[in-house]
Every structure is written in structure tokens, then in C-alpha cells.
Amino acid sequence: MYELWHIGVAYGIGTAAGLVLFREFVKEKIITTTIDSLASQGYLYAEEAEDGQVMLSKVDEVVDAAVADVTVDAIIETANRMQEEIEMKQQELWEDEDRD
């Protein structure tokens, strides 16, 4: 029983020493890997400022900001343009069918 107690204490001291010595390295590695992964998968938007600082924002926030800049008139204009394009395509298809 005395020997198991020594093994437990040695294990605890070794674990504590490992956590203290490698805590910052592991934390930085995990955080960097996670952020890089989220950015590459499209969940985060990363933009580098002129001073080299990287600004992170969620994709939802970027989309919300872009949508906020869109006016109702721009939406109506886009819808009208799309309707015109659809009508032109339909007309082309009808003309192609008439030729056959």
C-alpha cells in the first residue's frame, strides 16, 4: 500500500509539472488550430488590418452588415432585372421550340 501511495504522488507531480510547463504551448496550439480551421471552413471571416492585426468576425455578422447596406429600392431593382432576364430566356426557349 505504501508503494501505491508513492506512485500516485509521483503521477500527480508529473502531471502538474507537465501542465505548468506546456500549458501555454498547448493552449496556443489548440486555439490557433481551431481558429484556422473555422476560418478555412467559412465559419469565421478573417481580415488583416494595415497594422498587421487580424480582425475576426462571424460570417453571420458580415452578412448582416452587408444586408443592412442594401436598400429596398436596390432589392426591387434587382428583382425587376431578374424578371426581365427570365422573360428573355423564356422568349428564347419559345423561339427555339418554334424552329423545331
C-alpha atoms as a PDB file:
ATOM      1  CA  MET A   1       0.000   0.000   0.000  1.00  0.00           C
ATOM      2  CA  TYR A   2       2.875   2.311   0.775  1.00  0.00           C
ATOM      3  CA  GLU A   3       4.251   1.847  -2.749  1.00  0.00           C
ATOM      4  CA  LEU A   4       0.943   2.742  -4.419  1.00  0.00           C
ATOM      5  CA  TRP A   5       0.860   5.988  -2.499  1.00  0.00           C
ATOM      6  CA  HIS A   6       4.311   6.908  -3.867  1.00  0.00           C
ATOM      7  CA  ILE A   7       3.206   6.082  -7.407  1.00  0.00           C
ATOM      8  CA  GLY A   8       0.103   8.272  -7.018  1.00  0.00           C
ATOM      9  CA  VAL A   9       2.128  11.202  -5.683  1.00  0.00           C
ATOM     10  CA  ALA A  10       4.722  10.833  -8.457  1.00  0.00           C
ATOM     11  CA  TYR A  11       1.933  10.701 -11.054  1.00  0.00           C
ATOM     12  CA  GLY A  12       0.323  13.839  -9.606  1.00  0.00           C
ATOM     13  CA  ILE A  13       3.606  15.749  -9.511  1.00  0.00           C
ATOM     14  CA  GLY A  14       4.427  14.702 -13.079  1.00  0.00           C
ATOM     15  CA  THR A  15       1.001  15.714 -14.316  1.00  0.00           C
ATOM     16  CA  ALA A  16       1.198  19.089 -12.563  1.00  0.00           C
ATOM     17  CA  ALA A  17       4.683  19.735 -13.953  1.00  0.00           C
ATOM     18  CA  GLY A  18       3.524  18.844 -17.473  1.00  0.00           C
ATOM     19  CA  LEU A  19       0.544  21.162 -17.202  1.00  0.00           C
ATOM     20  CA  VAL A  20       2.648  24.037 -15.912  1.00  0.00           C
ATOM     21  CA  LEU A  21       5.426  23.623 -18.469  1.00  0.00           C
ATOM     22  CA  PHE A  22       3.318  23.017 -21.565  1.00  0.00           C
ATOM     23  CA  ARG A  23       0.106  24.866 -20.722  1.00  0.00           C
ATOM     24  CA  GLU A  24       0.802  27.924 -22.864  1.00  0.00           C
ATOM     25  CA  PHE A  25       2.132  25.890 -25.784  1.00  0.00           C
ATOM     26  CA  VAL A  26      -0.868  23.576 -25.830  1.00  0.00           C
ATOM     27  CA  LYS A  27      -3.334  26.439 -25.347  1.00  0.00           C
ATOM     28  CA  GLU A  28      -1.813  28.454 -28.199  1.00  0.00           C
ATOM     29  CA  LYS A  29      -1.645  25.417 -30.485  1.00  0.00           C
ATOM     30  CA  ILE A  30      -5.273  24.443 -29.836  1.00  0.00           C
ATOM     31  CA  ILE A  31      -6.601  27.978 -30.224  1.00  0.00           C
ATOM     32  CA  THR A  32      -4.607  28.633 -33.395  1.00  0.00           C
ATOM     33  CA  THR A  33      -5.642  25.341 -34.953  1.00  0.00           C
ATOM     34  CA  THR A  34      -9.303  25.888 -34.070  1.00  0.00           C
ATOM     35  CA  ILE A  35      -9.432  29.447 -35.434  1.00  0.00           C
ATOM     36  CA  ASP A  36      -7.605  28.479 -38.632  1.00  0.00           C
ATOM     37  CA  SER A  37      -9.971  25.565 -39.125  1.00  0.00           C
ATOM     38  CA  LEU A  38     -13.091  27.683 -38.587  1.00  0.00           C
ATOM     39  CA  ALA A  39     -11.809  30.354 -40.973  1.00  0.00           C
ATOM     40  CA  SER A  40     -10.935  27.840 -43.681  1.00  0.00           C
ATOM     41  CA  GLN A  41     -14.358  26.182 -43.376  1.00  0.00           C
ATOM     42  CA  GLY A  42     -16.138  29.516 -43.727  1.00  0.00           C
ATOM     43  CA  TYR A  43     -17.499  29.882 -40.188  1.00  0.00           C
ATOM     44  CA  LEU A  44     -15.266  32.861 -39.393  1.00  0.00           C
ATOM     45  CA  TYR A  45     -14.302  35.824 -41.522  1.00  0.00           C
ATOM     46  CA  ALA A  46     -10.723  36.990 -41.028  1.00  0.00           C
ATOM     47  CA  GLU A  47      -9.466  40.339 -42.258  1.00  0.00           C
ATOM     48  CA  GLU A  48      -5.972  41.682 -41.717  1.00  0.00           C
ATOM     49  CA  ALA A  49      -5.677  45.371 -40.866  1.00  0.00           C
ATOM     50  CA  GLU A  50      -2.914  47.629 -42.166  1.00  0.00           C
ATOM     51  CA  ASP A  51      -1.008  47.300 -38.889  1.00  0.00           C
ATOM     52  CA  GLY A  52      -0.980  43.501 -39.222  1.00  0.00           C
ATOM     53  CA  GLN A  53      -3.651  42.830 -36.635  1.00  0.00           C
ATOM     54  CA  VAL A  54      -6.159  40.168 -37.676  1.00  0.00           C
ATOM     55  CA  MET A  55      -9.801  41.009 -37.090  1.00  0.00           C
ATOM     56  CA  LEU A  56     -12.191  38.054 -36.730  1.00  0.00           C
ATOM     57  CA  SER A  57     -15.937  38.138 -37.069  1.00  0.00           C
ATOM     58  CA  LYS A  58     -18.634  35.553 -37.507  1.00  0.00           C
ATOM     59  CA  VAL A  59     -19.907  35.096 -41.036  1.00  0.00           C
ATOM     60  CA  ASP A  60     -23.426  35.956 -39.832  1.00  0.00           C
ATOM     61  CA  GLU A  61     -22.205  39.379 -38.684  1.00  0.00           C
ATOM     62  CA  VAL A  62     -20.552  40.063 -42.041  1.00  0.00           C
ATOM     63  CA  VAL A  63     -23.704  39.022 -43.908  1.00  0.00           C
ATOM     64  CA  ASP A  64     -25.915  41.083 -41.580  1.00  0.00           C
ATOM     65  CA  ALA A  65     -23.727  44.150 -42.186  1.00  0.00           C
ATOM     66  CA  ALA A  66     -23.885  43.612 -45.940  1.00  0.00           C
ATOM     67  CA  VAL A  67     -27.650  43.146 -45.858  1.00  0.00           C
ATOM     68  CA  ALA A  68     -28.078  46.290 -43.772  1.00  0.00           C
ATOM     69  CA  ASP A  69     -26.439  48.290 -46.572  1.00  0.00           C
ATOM     70  CA  VAL A  70     -28.976  47.053 -49.128  1.00  0.00           C
ATOM     71  CA  THR A  71     -31.905  49.374 -49.651  1.00  0.00           C
ATOM     72  CA  VAL A  72     -35.430  48.422 -50.619  1.00  0.00           C
ATOM     73  CA  ASP A  73     -35.003  50.192 -53.955  1.00  0.00           C
ATOM     74  CA  ALA A  74     -31.940  48.069 -54.732  1.00  0.00           C
ATOM     75  CA  ILE A  75     -33.873  44.898 -53.936  1.00  0.00           C
ATOM     76  CA  ILE A  76     -36.763  45.957 -56.192  1.00  0.00           C
ATOM     77  CA  GLU A  77     -34.351  46.887 -58.984  1.00  0.00           C
ATOM     78  CA  THR A  78     -32.619  43.510 -58.723  1.00  0.00           C
ATOM     79  CA  ALA A  79     -35.952  41.678 -58.727  1.00  0.00           C
ATOM     80  CA  ASN A  80     -37.101  43.594 -61.826  1.00  0.00           C
ATOM     81  CA  ARG A  81     -33.836  42.851 -63.619  1.00  0.00           C
ATOM     82  CA  MET A  82     -34.136  39.163 -62.752  1.00  0.00           C
ATOM     83  CA  GLN A  83     -37.727  39.118 -64.025  1.00  0.00           C
ATOM     84  CA  GLU A  84     -36.604  40.671 -67.313  1.00  0.00           C
ATOM     85  CA  GLU A  85     -33.855  38.057 -67.675  1.00  0.00           C
ATOM     86  CA  ILE A  86     -36.355  35.262 -67.012  1.00  0.00           C
ATOM     87  CA  GLU A  87     -38.736  36.645 -69.615  1.00  0.00           C
ATOM     88  CA  MET A  88     -35.903  36.916 -72.159  1.00  0.00           C
ATOM     89  CA  LYS A  89     -34.875  33.304 -71.513  1.00  0.00           C
ATOM     90  CA  GLN A  90     -38.477  32.146 -71.850  1.00  0.00           C
ATOM     91  CA  GLN A  91     -38.806  34.018 -75.130  1.00  0.00           C
ATOM     92  CA  GLU A  92     -35.593  32.390 -76.421  1.00  0.00           C
ATOM     93  CA  LEU A  93     -36.866  28.950 -75.428  1.00  0.00           C
ATOM     94  CA  TRP A  94     -40.212  29.531 -77.172  1.00  0.00           C
ATOM     95  CA  GLU A  95     -38.435  30.694 -80.324  1.00  0.00           C
ATOM     96  CA  ASP A  96     -36.201  27.602 -80.236  1.00  0.00           C
ATOM     97  CA  GLU A  97     -39.269  25.378 -79.864  1.00  0.00           C
ATOM     98  CA  ASP A  98     -40.980  27.110 -82.811  1.00  0.00           C
ATOM     99  CA  ARG A  99     -37.931  26.450 -85.017  1.00  0.00           C
ATOM    100  CA  ASP A 100     -38.005  22.729 -84.259  1.00  0.00           C
END
